[in-house]
Amino acid sequence: MKTVVKLTQQTVLGEIESVLDTYPYHPYQQAFAIPDLRQELIAFVLSRIPCLYYTMSEGQISLPEVDKECSLNYKLPRSPLEQQLHVQNLIHQGIYSIFQEKSDWISDHLCQAVQPGSEPSHWFG
C-alpha cells in the first residue's frame, strides 16, 4: 500500500514561522497572529509554488492521480537551499503585499487590541 504525504503546506507553515521570527513583534508578528491575516499569507505563498509530494513506498504515483488541482506551471529551483530561499522570498513578498494592502485595517485592529488601562501614563510628561 502506498501512502502519499503532501509536504507543501507543512513546509510553508514552518517557513512562515521562521521568517516571522525575524520581524519585530509589533506590528508584524502581532498582525500575523490574527488568523485571517495568517491564512491570507499562507494562501499567498501556496498559490505561487507547486505542490510537493513524498511517496512512502516503492513505485511511482503520477501527479494527476494525487491532486488534480495542483499544477506545475513552473518549477522550484533544484537545490533544497534554493527552494528554501525561494519560499522565504515569497513569504517576505506576501508580508509586504498584505501590509501594503491592509495597512489601515491592521492599524485599526492592533490599536483596538491595546487596553486603555495598560498604556503608559502620560501624566509624568
PDB file of N, CA and C in Angstrom:
ATOM      1  N   MET A   1       0.834  -1.184   0.000  1.00  0.00           N
ATOM      2  CA  MET A   1       0.000   0.000   0.000  1.00  0.00           C
ATOM      3  C   MET A   1       0.879   1.248   0.000  1.00  0.00           C
ATOM      4  N   LYS A   2       0.477   2.227  -0.765  1.00  0.00           N
ATOM      5  CA  LYS A   2       1.239   3.467  -0.879  1.00  0.00           C
ATOM      6  C   LYS A   2       0.596   4.549  -0.032  1.00  0.00           C
ATOM      7  N   THR A   3       1.440   5.344   0.585  1.00  0.00           N
ATOM      8  CA  THR A   3       0.965   6.490   1.343  1.00  0.00           C
ATOM      9  C   THR A   3       1.599   7.730   0.746  1.00  0.00           C
ATOM     10  N   VAL A   4       0.771   8.708   0.410  1.00  0.00           N
ATOM     11  CA  VAL A   4       1.266   9.945  -0.166  1.00  0.00           C
ATOM     12  C   VAL A   4       1.068  11.062   0.856  1.00  0.00           C
ATOM     13  N   VAL A   5       2.129  11.792   1.095  1.00  0.00           N
ATOM     14  CA  VAL A   5       2.083  12.894   2.049  1.00  0.00           C
ATOM     15  C   VAL A   5       2.318  14.186   1.276  1.00  0.00           C
ATOM     16  N   LYS A   6       1.395  15.119   1.425  1.00  0.00           N
ATOM     17  CA  LYS A   6       1.542  16.423   0.778  1.00  0.00           C
ATOM     18  C   LYS A   6       2.379  17.305   1.701  1.00  0.00           C
ATOM     19  N   LEU A   7       3.557  17.671   1.246  1.00  0.00           N
ATOM     20  CA  LEU A   7       4.520  18.384   2.081  1.00  0.00           C
ATOM     21  C   LEU A   7       4.443  19.900   1.957  1.00  0.00           C
ATOM     22  N   THR A   8       3.799  20.384   0.917  1.00  0.00           N
ATOM     23  CA  THR A   8       3.841  21.810   0.629  1.00  0.00           C
ATOM     24  C   THR A   8       3.360  22.659   1.799  1.00  0.00           C
ATOM     25  N   GLN A   9       2.163  22.390   2.298  1.00  0.00           N
ATOM     26  CA  GLN A   9       1.612  23.232   3.360  1.00  0.00           C
ATOM     27  C   GLN A   9       2.428  23.128   4.640  1.00  0.00           C
ATOM     28  N   GLN A  10       2.870  21.928   4.993  1.00  0.00           N
ATOM     29  CA  GLN A  10       3.685  21.765   6.197  1.00  0.00           C
ATOM     30  C   GLN A  10       4.976  22.568   6.082  1.00  0.00           C
ATOM     31  N   THR A  11       5.589  22.500   4.918  1.00  0.00           N
ATOM     32  CA  THR A  11       6.838  23.223   4.681  1.00  0.00           C
ATOM     33  C   THR A  11       6.614  24.725   4.774  1.00  0.00           C
ATOM     34  N   VAL A  12       5.566  25.204   4.136  1.00  0.00           N
ATOM     35  CA  VAL A  12       5.278  26.642   4.136  1.00  0.00           C
ATOM     36  C   VAL A  12       4.970  27.140   5.545  1.00  0.00           C
ATOM     37  N   LEU A  13       4.195  26.389   6.311  1.00  0.00           N
ATOM     38  CA  LEU A  13       3.871  26.801   7.676  1.00  0.00           C
ATOM     39  C   LEU A  13       5.133  26.942   8.525  1.00  0.00           C
ATOM     40  N   GLY A  14       6.047  25.993   8.395  1.00  0.00           N
ATOM     41  CA  GLY A  14       7.302  26.070   9.136  1.00  0.00           C
ATOM     42  C   GLY A  14       8.146  27.256   8.718  1.00  0.00           C
ATOM     43  N   GLU A  15       8.202  27.505   7.418  1.00  0.00           N
ATOM     44  CA  GLU A  15       8.986  28.639   6.926  1.00  0.00           C
ATOM     45  C   GLU A  15       8.365  29.971   7.337  1.00  0.00           C
ATOM     46  N   ILE A  16       7.038  30.048   7.354  1.00  0.00           N
ATOM     47  CA  ILE A  16       6.382  31.287   7.785  1.00  0.00           C
ATOM     48  C   ILE A  16       6.755  31.589   9.232  1.00  0.00           C
ATOM     49  N   GLU A  17       6.731  30.570  10.077  1.00  0.00           N
ATOM     50  CA  GLU A  17       7.127  30.773  11.480  1.00  0.00           C
ATOM     51  C   GLU A  17       8.558  31.287  11.571  1.00  0.00           C
ATOM     52  N   SER A  18       9.448  30.665  10.820  1.00  0.00           N
ATOM     53  CA  SER A  18      10.864  31.063  10.851  1.00  0.00           C
ATOM     54  C   SER A  18      11.052  32.492  10.362  1.00  0.00           C
ATOM     55  N   VAL A  19      10.396  32.834   9.266  1.00  0.00           N
ATOM     56  CA  VAL A  19      10.554  34.175   8.699  1.00  0.00           C
ATOM     57  C   VAL A  19       9.945  35.222   9.633  1.00  0.00           C
ATOM     58  N   LEU A  20       8.755  34.950  10.156  1.00  0.00           N
ATOM     59  CA  LEU A  20       8.122  35.925  11.054  1.00  0.00           C
ATOM     60  C   LEU A  20       8.950  36.161  12.316  1.00  0.00           C
ATOM     61  N   ASP A  21       9.700  35.153  12.750  1.00  0.00           N
ATOM     62  CA  ASP A  21      10.563  35.323  13.921  1.00  0.00           C
ATOM     63  C   ASP A  21      11.654  36.362  13.687  1.00  0.00           C
ATOM     64  N   THR A  22      11.959  36.662  12.436  1.00  0.00           N
ATOM     65  CA  THR A  22      12.983  37.660  12.122  1.00  0.00           C
ATOM     66  C   THR A  22      12.410  39.077  12.093  1.00  0.00           C
ATOM     67  N   TYR A  23      11.093  39.210  12.173  1.00  0.00           N
ATOM     68  CA  TYR A  23      10.421  40.508  12.140  1.00  0.00           C
ATOM     69  C   TYR A  23      10.138  40.972  13.571  1.00  0.00           C
ATOM     70  N   PRO A  24      10.011  42.287  13.748  1.00  0.00           N
ATOM     71  CA  PRO A  24       9.652  42.799  15.071  1.00  0.00           C
ATOM     72  C   PRO A  24       8.273  42.289  15.505  1.00  0.00           C
ATOM     73  N   TYR A  25       8.116  42.145  16.819  1.00  0.00           N
ATOM     74  CA  TYR A  25       6.832  41.670  17.352  1.00  0.00           C
ATOM     75  C   TYR A  25       5.712  42.607  16.929  1.00  0.00           C
ATOM     76  N   HIS A  26       5.930  43.920  17.132  1.00  0.00           N
ATOM     77  CA  HIS A  26       4.918  44.900  16.722  1.00  0.00           C
ATOM     78  C   HIS A  26       5.428  45.637  15.515  1.00  0.00           C
ATOM     79  N   PRO A  27       4.729  45.661  14.459  1.00  0.00           N
ATOM     80  CA  PRO A  27       3.375  45.185  14.233  1.00  0.00           C
ATOM     81  C   PRO A  27       3.298  43.826  13.533  1.00  0.00           C
ATOM     82  N   TYR A  28       4.424  43.327  13.013  1.00  0.00           N
ATOM     83  CA  TYR A  28       4.383  42.174  12.107  1.00  0.00           C
ATOM     84  C   TYR A  28       3.914  40.879  12.776  1.00  0.00           C
ATOM     85  N   GLN A  29       4.596  40.452  13.823  1.00  0.00           N
ATOM     86  CA  GLN A  29       4.207  39.195  14.465  1.00  0.00           C
ATOM     87  C   GLN A  29       2.805  39.308  15.062  1.00  0.00           C
ATOM     88  N   GLN A  30       2.496  40.470  15.601  1.00  0.00           N
ATOM     89  CA  GLN A  30       1.163  40.701  16.146  1.00  0.00           C
ATOM     90  C   GLN A  30       0.103  40.595  15.057  1.00  0.00           C
ATOM     91  N   ALA A  31       0.352  41.228  13.933  1.00  0.00           N
ATOM     92  CA  ALA A  31      -0.626  41.226  12.840  1.00  0.00           C
ATOM     93  C   ALA A  31      -0.847  39.815  12.305  1.00  0.00           C
ATOM     94  N   PHE A  32       0.231  39.069  12.097  1.00  0.00           N
ATOM     95  CA  PHE A  32       0.082  37.741  11.507  1.00  0.00           C
ATOM     96  C   PHE A  32      -0.263  36.676  12.534  1.00  0.00           C
ATOM     97  N   ALA A  33      -0.474  37.099  13.772  1.00  0.00           N
ATOM     98  CA  ALA A  33      -1.076  36.207  14.768  1.00  0.00           C
ATOM     99  C   ALA A  33      -2.598  36.208  14.603  1.00  0.00           C
ATOM    100  N   ILE A  34      -3.126  37.190  13.877  1.00  0.00           N
ATOM    101  CA  ILE A  34      -4.558  37.252  13.565  1.00  0.00           C
ATOM    102  C   ILE A  34      -4.839  36.158  12.534  1.00  0.00           C
ATOM    103  N   PRO A  35      -5.732  35.227  12.854  1.00  0.00           N
ATOM    104  CA  PRO A  35      -5.963  34.069  11.970  1.00  0.00           C
ATOM    105  C   PRO A  35      -6.267  34.413  10.507  1.00  0.00           C
ATOM    106  N   ASP A  36      -7.063  35.452  10.266  1.00  0.00           N
ATOM    107  CA  ASP A  36      -7.401  35.809   8.885  1.00  0.00           C
ATOM    108  C   ASP A  36      -6.169  36.255   8.097  1.00  0.00           C
ATOM    109  N   LEU A  37      -5.317  37.053   8.725  1.00  0.00           N
ATOM    110  CA  LEU A  37      -4.105  37.509   8.037  1.00  0.00           C
ATOM    111  C   LEU A  37      -3.118  36.360   7.843  1.00  0.00           C
ATOM    112  N   ARG A  38      -3.025  35.483   8.839  1.00  0.00           N
ATOM    113  CA  ARG A  38      -2.134  34.322   8.720  1.00  0.00           C
ATOM    114  C   ARG A  38      -2.582  33.457   7.535  1.00  0.00           C
ATOM    115  N   GLN A  39      -3.886  33.212   7.428  1.00  0.00           N
ATOM    116  CA  GLN A  39      -4.415  32.405   6.317  1.00  0.00           C
ATOM    117  C   GLN A  39      -4.156  33.075   4.977  1.00  0.00           C
ATOM    118  N   GLU A  40      -4.273  34.395   4.957  1.00  0.00           N
ATOM    119  CA  GLU A  40      -4.022  35.129   3.717  1.00  0.00           C
ATOM    120  C   GLU A  40      -2.559  34.992   3.292  1.00  0.00           C
ATOM    121  N   LEU A  41      -1.651  35.048   4.262  1.00  0.00           N
ATOM    122  CA  LEU A  41      -0.227  34.870   3.964  1.00  0.00           C
ATOM    123  C   LEU A  41       0.050  33.454   3.464  1.00  0.00           C
ATOM    124  N   ILE A  42      -0.539  32.471   4.120  1.00  0.00           N
ATOM    125  CA  ILE A  42      -0.367  31.072   3.690  1.00  0.00           C
ATOM    126  C   ILE A  42      -0.879  30.907   2.263  1.00  0.00           C
ATOM    127  N   ALA A  43      -2.057  31.445   1.972  1.00  0.00           N
ATOM    128  CA  ALA A  43      -2.635  31.344   0.631  1.00  0.00           C
ATOM    129  C   ALA A  43      -1.764  32.065  -0.403  1.00  0.00           C
ATOM    130  N   PHE A  44      -1.204  33.219  -0.021  1.00  0.00           N
ATOM    131  CA  PHE A  44      -0.331  33.976  -0.918  1.00  0.00           C
ATOM    132  C   PHE A  44       0.847  33.111  -1.365  1.00  0.00           C
ATOM    133  N   VAL A  45       1.477  32.457  -0.410  1.00  0.00           N
ATOM    134  CA  VAL A  45       2.669  31.653  -0.718  1.00  0.00           C
ATOM    135  C   VAL A  45       2.283  30.377  -1.472  1.00  0.00           C
ATOM    136  N   LEU A  46       1.279  29.668  -0.980  1.00  0.00           N
ATOM    137  CA  LEU A  46       0.893  28.392  -1.607  1.00  0.00           C
ATOM    138  C   LEU A  46       0.427  28.573  -3.048  1.00  0.00           C
ATOM    139  N   SER A  47      -0.169  29.706  -3.352  1.00  0.00           N
ATOM    140  CA  SER A  47      -0.646  29.929  -4.720  1.00  0.00           C
ATOM    141  C   SER A  47       0.493  30.207  -5.699  1.00  0.00           C
ATOM    142  N   ARG A  48       1.702  30.380  -5.175  1.00  0.00           N
ATOM    143  CA  ARG A  48       2.842  30.722  -6.028  1.00  0.00           C
ATOM    144  C   ARG A  48       3.909  29.636  -6.108  1.00  0.00           C
ATOM    145  N   ILE A  49       3.644  28.487  -5.507  1.00  0.00           N
ATOM    146  CA  ILE A  49       4.605  27.375  -5.593  1.00  0.00           C
ATOM    147  C   ILE A  49       3.875  26.097  -5.988  1.00  0.00           C
ATOM    148  N   PRO A  50       4.594  25.185  -6.619  1.00  0.00           N
ATOM    149  CA  PRO A  50       3.972  23.900  -6.960  1.00  0.00           C
ATOM    150  C   PRO A  50       3.822  23.036  -5.721  1.00  0.00           C
ATOM    151  N   CYS A  51       2.958  22.062  -5.792  1.00  0.00           N
ATOM    152  CA  CYS A  51       2.762  21.132  -4.680  1.00  0.00           C
ATOM    153  C   CYS A  51       3.912  20.135  -4.640  1.00  0.00           C
ATOM    154  N   LEU A  52       4.336  19.789  -3.433  1.00  0.00           N
ATOM    155  CA  LEU A  52       5.407  18.821  -3.250  1.00  0.00           C
ATOM    156  C   LEU A  52       4.832  17.583  -2.584  1.00  0.00           C
ATOM    157  N   TYR A  53       5.178  16.428  -3.105  1.00  0.00           N
ATOM    158  CA  TYR A  53       4.677  15.179  -2.563  1.00  0.00           C
ATOM    159  C   TYR A  53       5.830  14.258  -2.227  1.00  0.00           C
ATOM    160  N   TYR A  54       5.573  13.360  -1.288  1.00  0.00           N
ATOM    161  CA  TYR A  54       6.537  12.328  -0.928  1.00  0.00           C
ATOM    162  C   TYR A  54       5.787  11.011  -0.894  1.00  0.00           C
ATOM    163  N   THR A  55       6.266  10.025  -1.645  1.00  0.00           N
ATOM    164  CA  THR A  55       5.654   8.711  -1.658  1.00  0.00           C
ATOM    165  C   THR A  55       6.405   7.832  -0.683  1.00  0.00           C
ATOM    166  N   MET A  56       5.663   7.193   0.207  1.00  0.00           N
ATOM    167  CA  MET A  56       6.292   6.433   1.280  1.00  0.00           C
ATOM    168  C   MET A  56       6.368   4.935   0.980  1.00  0.00           C
ATOM    169  N   SER A  57       6.388   4.543  -0.283  1.00  0.00           N
ATOM    170  CA  SER A  57       6.572   3.147  -0.651  1.00  0.00           C
ATOM    171  C   SER A  57       7.162   3.089  -2.045  1.00  0.00           C
ATOM    172  N   GLU A  58       7.544   1.898  -2.473  1.00  0.00           N
ATOM    173  CA  GLU A  58       8.112   1.751  -3.800  1.00  0.00           C
ATOM    174  C   GLU A  58       7.035   1.948  -4.851  1.00  0.00           C
ATOM    175  N   GLY A  59       7.452   2.360  -6.016  1.00  0.00           N
ATOM    176  CA  GLY A  59       6.510   2.587  -7.101  1.00  0.00           C
ATOM    177  C   GLY A  59       6.345   4.065  -7.362  1.00  0.00           C
ATOM    178  N   GLN A  60       5.811   4.367  -8.495  1.00  0.00           N
ATOM    179  CA  GLN A  60       5.607   5.753  -8.883  1.00  0.00           C
ATOM    180  C   GLN A  60       4.118   6.091  -8.839  1.00  0.00           C
ATOM    181  N   ILE A  61       3.814   7.268  -8.392  1.00  0.00           N
ATOM    182  CA  ILE A  61       2.450   7.770  -8.427  1.00  0.00           C
ATOM    183  C   ILE A  61       2.489   9.004  -9.315  1.00  0.00           C
ATOM    184  N   SER A  62       1.643   9.008 -10.318  1.00  0.00           N
ATOM    185  CA  SER A  62       1.626  10.176 -11.181  1.00  0.00           C
ATOM    186  C   SER A  62       0.860  11.293 -10.486  1.00  0.00           C
ATOM    187  N   LEU A  63       1.298  12.504 -10.699  1.00  0.00           N
ATOM    188  CA  LEU A  63       0.726  13.660 -10.032  1.00  0.00           C
ATOM    189  C   LEU A  63      -0.778  13.803 -10.262  1.00  0.00           C
ATOM    190  N   PRO A  64      -1.306  13.605 -11.482  1.00  0.00           N
ATOM    191  CA  PRO A  64      -2.748  13.771 -11.664  1.00  0.00           C
ATOM    192  C   PRO A  64      -3.584  12.818 -10.799  1.00  0.00           C
ATOM    193  N   GLU A  65      -3.048  11.653 -10.470  1.00  0.00           N
ATOM    194  CA  GLU A  65      -3.783  10.728  -9.616  1.00  0.00           C
ATOM    195  C   GLU A  65      -3.875  11.241  -8.183  1.00  0.00           C
ATOM    196  N   VAL A  66      -2.920  12.046  -7.780  1.00  0.00           N
ATOM    197  CA  VAL A  66      -2.848  12.501  -6.393  1.00  0.00           C
ATOM    198  C   VAL A  66      -3.690  13.747  -6.172  1.00  0.00           C
ATOM    199  N   ASP A  67      -3.498  14.755  -6.988  1.00  0.00           N
ATOM    200  CA  ASP A  67      -4.183  16.021  -6.764  1.00  0.00           C
ATOM    201  C   ASP A  67      -4.328  16.758  -8.087  1.00  0.00           C
ATOM    202  N   LYS A  68      -5.499  16.753  -8.643  1.00  0.00           N
ATOM    203  CA  LYS A  68      -5.723  17.369  -9.951  1.00  0.00           C
ATOM    204  C   LYS A  68      -5.667  18.893  -9.878  1.00  0.00           C
ATOM    205  N   GLU A  69      -5.862  19.469  -8.689  1.00  0.00           N
ATOM    206  CA  GLU A  69      -5.841  20.921  -8.548  1.00  0.00           C
ATOM    207  C   GLU A  69      -4.423  21.486  -8.548  1.00  0.00           C
ATOM    208  N   CYS A  70      -3.447  20.654  -8.292  1.00  0.00           N
ATOM    209  CA  CYS A  70      -2.069  21.117  -8.190  1.00  0.00           C
ATOM    210  C   CYS A  70      -1.422  21.085  -9.565  1.00  0.00           C
ATOM    211  N   SER A  71      -1.040  22.220 -10.074  1.00  0.00           N
ATOM    212  CA  SER A  71      -0.404  22.252 -11.385  1.00  0.00           C
ATOM    213  C   SER A  71       1.043  22.696 -11.249  1.00  0.00           C
ATOM    214  N   LEU A  72       1.872  22.180 -12.116  1.00  0.00           N
ATOM    215  CA  LEU A  72       3.292  22.538 -12.108  1.00  0.00           C
ATOM    216  C   LEU A  72       3.586  23.397 -13.333  1.00  0.00           C
ATOM    217  N   ASN A  73       3.062  24.599 -13.342  1.00  0.00           N
ATOM    218  CA  ASN A  73       3.286  25.506 -14.463  1.00  0.00           C
ATOM    219  C   ASN A  73       4.705  26.058 -14.444  1.00  0.00           C
ATOM    220  N   TYR A  74       5.348  25.983 -13.332  1.00  0.00           N
ATOM    221  CA  TYR A  74       6.734  26.415 -13.199  1.00  0.00           C
ATOM    222  C   TYR A  74       7.390  25.499 -12.188  1.00  0.00           C
ATOM    223  N   LYS A  75       8.705  25.513 -12.150  1.00  0.00           N
ATOM    224  CA  LYS A  75       9.429  24.598 -11.271  1.00  0.00           C
ATOM    225  C   LYS A  75      10.157  25.365 -10.188  1.00  0.00           C
ATOM    226  N   LEU A  76      10.256  24.719  -9.041  1.00  0.00           N
ATOM    227  CA  LEU A  76      11.087  25.278  -7.975  1.00  0.00           C
ATOM    228  C   LEU A  76      12.552  25.102  -8.351  1.00  0.00           C
ATOM    229  N   PRO A  77      13.433  25.911  -7.782  1.00  0.00           N
ATOM    230  CA  PRO A  77      14.864  25.693  -8.004  1.00  0.00           C
ATOM    231  C   PRO A  77      15.241  24.277  -7.568  1.00  0.00           C
ATOM    232  N   ARG A  78      16.320  23.768  -8.098  1.00  0.00           N
ATOM    233  CA  ARG A  78      16.671  22.364  -7.889  1.00  0.00           C
ATOM    234  C   ARG A  78      17.222  22.039  -6.519  1.00  0.00           C
ATOM    235  N   SER A  79      18.082  22.861  -5.973  1.00  0.00           N
ATOM    236  CA  SER A  79      18.706  22.504  -4.697  1.00  0.00           C
ATOM    237  C   SER A  79      17.760  22.839  -3.538  1.00  0.00           C
ATOM    238  N   PRO A  80      17.834  22.060  -2.463  1.00  0.00           N
ATOM    239  CA  PRO A  80      16.979  22.338  -1.298  1.00  0.00           C
ATOM    240  C   PRO A  80      17.186  23.739  -0.732  1.00  0.00           C
ATOM    241  N   LEU A  81      18.420  24.226  -0.720  1.00  0.00           N
ATOM    242  CA  LEU A  81      18.680  25.569  -0.207  1.00  0.00           C
ATOM    243  C   LEU A  81      18.020  26.619  -1.092  1.00  0.00           C
ATOM    244  N   GLU A  82      18.117  26.451  -2.407  1.00  0.00           N
ATOM    245  CA  GLU A  82      17.465  27.390  -3.325  1.00  0.00           C
ATOM    246  C   GLU A  82      15.954  27.355  -3.156  1.00  0.00           C
ATOM    247  N   GLN A  83      15.399  26.163  -2.942  1.00  0.00           N
ATOM    248  CA  GLN A  83      13.964  26.032  -2.717  1.00  0.00           C
ATOM    249  C   GLN A  83      13.556  26.769  -1.444  1.00  0.00           C
ATOM    250  N   GLN A  84      14.318  26.584  -0.384  1.00  0.00           N
ATOM    251  CA  GLN A  84      14.016  27.238   0.887  1.00  0.00           C
ATOM    252  C   GLN A  84      14.091  28.756   0.729  1.00  0.00           C
ATOM    253  N   LEU A  85      15.116  29.242   0.070  1.00  0.00           N
ATOM    254  CA  LEU A  85      15.264  30.682  -0.138  1.00  0.00           C
ATOM    255  C   LEU A  85      14.136  31.234  -1.000  1.00  0.00           C
ATOM    256  N   HIS A  86      13.709  30.454  -1.989  1.00  0.00           N
ATOM    257  CA  HIS A  86      12.592  30.861  -2.851  1.00  0.00           C
ATOM    258  C   HIS A  86      11.309  31.006  -2.020  1.00  0.00           C
ATOM    259  N   VAL A  87      11.024  30.032  -1.172  1.00  0.00           N
ATOM    260  CA  VAL A  87       9.830  30.084  -0.320  1.00  0.00           C
ATOM    261  C   VAL A  87       9.935  31.250   0.662  1.00  0.00           C
ATOM    262  N   GLN A  88      11.095  31.441   1.264  1.00  0.00           N
ATOM    263  CA  GLN A  88      11.282  32.559   2.192  1.00  0.00           C
ATOM    264  C   GLN A  88      11.075  33.899   1.485  1.00  0.00           C
ATOM    265  N   ASN A  89      11.571  34.016   0.266  1.00  0.00           N
ATOM    266  CA  ASN A  89      11.386  35.237  -0.512  1.00  0.00           C
ATOM    267  C   ASN A  89       9.902  35.485  -0.770  1.00  0.00           C
ATOM    268  N   LEU A  90       9.155  34.428  -1.100  1.00  0.00           N
ATOM    269  CA  LEU A  90       7.715  34.571  -1.309  1.00  0.00           C
ATOM    270  C   LEU A  90       7.012  35.011  -0.023  1.00  0.00           C
ATOM    271  N   ILE A  91       7.460  34.514   1.106  1.00  0.00           N
ATOM    272  CA  ILE A  91       6.872  34.900   2.387  1.00  0.00           C
ATOM    273  C   ILE A  91       7.120  36.384   2.648  1.00  0.00           C
ATOM    274  N   HIS A  92       8.341  36.847   2.408  1.00  0.00           N
ATOM    275  CA  HIS A  92       8.645  38.280   2.579  1.00  0.00           C
ATOM    276  C   HIS A  92       7.766  39.118   1.642  1.00  0.00           C
ATOM    277  N   GLN A  93       7.615  38.669   0.394  1.00  0.00           N
ATOM    278  CA  GLN A  93       6.754  39.378  -0.556  1.00  0.00           C
ATOM    279  C   GLN A  93       5.314  39.422  -0.058  1.00  0.00           C
ATOM    280  N   GLY A  94       4.840  38.298   0.480  1.00  0.00           N
ATOM    281  CA  GLY A  94       3.478  38.225   0.992  1.00  0.00           C
ATOM    282  C   GLY A  94       3.261  39.156   2.171  1.00  0.00           C
ATOM    283  N   ILE A  95       4.212  39.188   3.081  1.00  0.00           N
ATOM    284  CA  ILE A  95       4.118  40.076   4.237  1.00  0.00           C
ATOM    285  C   ILE A  95       4.040  41.527   3.761  1.00  0.00           C
ATOM    286  N   TYR A  96       4.917  41.888   2.851  1.00  0.00           N
ATOM    287  CA  TYR A  96       4.940  43.259   2.321  1.00  0.00           C
ATOM    288  C   TYR A  96       3.626  43.589   1.612  1.00  0.00           C
ATOM    289  N   SER A  97       3.166  42.674   0.763  1.00  0.00           N
ATOM    290  CA  SER A  97       1.957  42.896  -0.019  1.00  0.00           C
ATOM    291  C   SER A  97       0.727  43.041   0.873  1.00  0.00           C
ATOM    292  N   ILE A  98       0.592  42.150   1.843  1.00  0.00           N
ATOM    293  CA  ILE A  98      -0.563  42.185   2.739  1.00  0.00           C
ATOM    294  C   ILE A  98      -0.529  43.445   3.603  1.00  0.00           C
ATOM    295  N   PHE A  99       0.654  43.817   4.085  1.00  0.00           N
ATOM    296  CA  PHE A  99       0.756  45.034   4.893  1.00  0.00           C
ATOM    297  C   PHE A  99       0.408  46.264   4.072  1.00  0.00           C
ATOM    298  N   GLN A 100       0.844  46.282   2.834  1.00  0.00           N
ATOM    299  CA  GLN A 100       0.553  47.423   1.976  1.00  0.00           C
ATOM    300  C   GLN A 100      -0.948  47.502   1.684  1.00  0.00           C
ATOM    301  N   GLU A 101      -1.535  46.371   1.380  1.00  0.00           N
ATOM    302  CA  GLU A 101      -2.947  46.316   1.011  1.00  0.00           C
ATOM    303  C   GLU A 101      -3.877  46.597   2.190  1.00  0.00           C
ATOM    304  N   LYS A 102      -3.501  46.145   3.383  1.00  0.00           N
ATOM    305  CA  LYS A 102      -4.409  46.215   4.532  1.00  0.00           C
ATOM    306  C   LYS A 102      -3.848  47.055   5.676  1.00  0.00           C
ATOM    307  N   SER A 103      -3.021  48.013   5.377  1.00  0.00           N
ATOM    308  CA  SER A 103      -2.356  48.777   6.435  1.00  0.00           C
ATOM    309  C   SER A 103      -3.343  49.487   7.355  1.00  0.00           C
ATOM    310  N   ASP A 104      -4.383  50.088   6.799  1.00  0.00           N
ATOM    311  CA  ASP A 104      -5.361  50.782   7.651  1.00  0.00           C
ATOM    312  C   ASP A 104      -6.083  49.798   8.564  1.00  0.00           C
ATOM    313  N   TRP A 105      -6.507  48.664   8.003  1.00  0.00           N
ATOM    314  CA  TRP A 105      -7.218  47.655   8.791  1.00  0.00           C
ATOM    315  C   TRP A 105      -6.323  47.118   9.899  1.00  0.00           C
ATOM    316  N   ILE A 106      -5.056  46.849   9.568  1.00  0.00           N
ATOM    317  CA  ILE A 106      -4.109  46.328  10.563  1.00  0.00           C
ATOM    318  C   ILE A 106      -3.904  47.349  11.675  1.00  0.00           C
ATOM    319  N   SER A 107      -3.705  48.613  11.313  1.00  0.00           N
ATOM    320  CA  SER A 107      -3.512  49.664  12.323  1.00  0.00           C
ATOM    321  C   SER A 107      -4.708  49.765  13.248  1.00  0.00           C
ATOM    322  N   ASP A 108      -5.904  49.784  12.660  1.00  0.00           N
ATOM    323  CA  ASP A 108      -7.117  49.866  13.479  1.00  0.00           C
ATOM    324  C   ASP A 108      -7.253  48.654  14.387  1.00  0.00           C
ATOM    325  N   HIS A 109      -7.007  47.474  13.846  1.00  0.00           N
ATOM    326  CA  HIS A 109      -7.180  46.249  14.616  1.00  0.00           C
ATOM    327  C   HIS A 109      -6.158  46.161  15.758  1.00  0.00           C
ATOM    328  N   LEU A 110      -4.910  46.515  15.472  1.00  0.00           N
ATOM    329  CA  LEU A 110      -3.887  46.449  16.514  1.00  0.00           C
ATOM    330  C   LEU A 110      -4.093  47.529  17.564  1.00  0.00           C
ATOM    331  N   CYS A 111      -4.593  48.709  17.175  1.00  0.00           N
ATOM    332  CA  CYS A 111      -4.864  49.762  18.155  1.00  0.00           C
ATOM    333  C   CYS A 111      -6.014  49.373  19.066  1.00  0.00           C
ATOM    334  N   GLN A 112      -7.016  48.681  18.529  1.00  0.00           N
ATOM    335  CA  GLN A 112      -8.142  48.228  19.337  1.00  0.00           C
ATOM    336  C   GLN A 112      -7.721  47.149  20.317  1.00  0.00           C
ATOM    337  N   ALA A 113      -6.682  46.411  19.988  1.00  0.00           N
ATOM    338  CA  ALA A 113      -6.233  45.325  20.853  1.00  0.00           C
ATOM    339  C   ALA A 113      -5.552  45.839  22.117  1.00  0.00           C
ATOM    340  N   VAL A 114      -5.081  47.085  22.091  1.00  0.00           N
ATOM    341  CA  VAL A 114      -4.421  47.669  23.256  1.00  0.00           C
ATOM    342  C   VAL A 114      -5.482  48.103  24.264  1.00  0.00           C
ATOM    343  N   GLN A 115      -5.336  47.680  25.502  1.00  0.00           N
ATOM    344  CA  GLN A 115      -6.265  48.050  26.570  1.00  0.00           C
ATOM    345  C   GLN A 115      -5.924  49.449  27.061  1.00  0.00           C
ATOM    346  N   PRO A 116      -6.917  50.325  27.216  1.00  0.00           N
ATOM    347  CA  PRO A 116      -6.623  51.698  27.664  1.00  0.00           C
ATOM    348  C   PRO A 116      -5.881  51.751  28.994  1.00  0.00           C
ATOM    349  N   GLY A 117      -6.174  50.852  29.913  1.00  0.00           N
ATOM    350  CA  GLY A 117      -5.520  50.861  31.211  1.00  0.00           C
ATOM    351  C   GLY A 117      -4.089  50.374  31.165  1.00  0.00           C
ATOM    352  N   SER A 118      -3.687  49.706  30.093  1.00  0.00           N
ATOM    353  CA  SER A 118      -2.331  49.155  30.030  1.00  0.00           C
ATOM    354  C   SER A 118      -1.358  50.056  29.275  1.00  0.00           C
ATOM    355  N   GLU A 119      -1.849  51.186  28.782  1.00  0.00           N
ATOM    356  CA  GLU A 119      -0.965  52.114  28.093  1.00  0.00           C
ATOM    357  C   GLU A 119      -0.119  52.862  29.109  1.00  0.00           C
ATOM    358  N   PRO A 120       1.086  53.286  28.729  1.00  0.00           N
ATOM    359  CA  PRO A 120       1.915  54.048  29.660  1.00  0.00           C
ATOM    360  C   PRO A 120       1.264  55.384  30.000  1.00  0.00           C
ATOM    361  N   SER A 121       1.488  55.829  31.197  1.00  0.00           N
ATOM    362  CA  SER A 121       0.904  57.078  31.641  1.00  0.00           C
ATOM    363  C   SER A 121       1.650  58.263  31.016  1.00  0.00           C
ATOM    364  N   HIS A 122       0.872  59.235  30.563  1.00  0.00           N
ATOM    365  CA  HIS A 122       1.460  60.456  30.028  1.00  0.00           C
ATOM    366  C   HIS A 122       1.490  61.534  31.110  1.00  0.00           C
ATOM    367  N   TRP A 123       1.067  61.173  32.297  1.00  0.00           N
ATOM    368  CA  TRP A 123       0.956  62.108  33.408  1.00  0.00           C
ATOM    369  C   TRP A 123       2.321  62.680  33.800  1.00  0.00           C
ATOM    370  N   PHE A 124       3.385  61.858  33.681  1.00  0.00           N
ATOM    371  CA  PHE A 124       4.714  62.306  34.100  1.00  0.00           C
ATOM    372  C   PHE A 124       5.414  63.154  33.042  1.00  0.00           C
ATOM    373  N   GLY A 125       4.777  63.320  31.891  1.00  0.00           N
ATOM    374  CA  GLY A 125       5.295  64.211  30.894  1.00  0.00           C
ATOM    375  C   GLY A 125       6.240  63.580  29.991  1.00  0.00           C
TER     376      GLY A 125
END
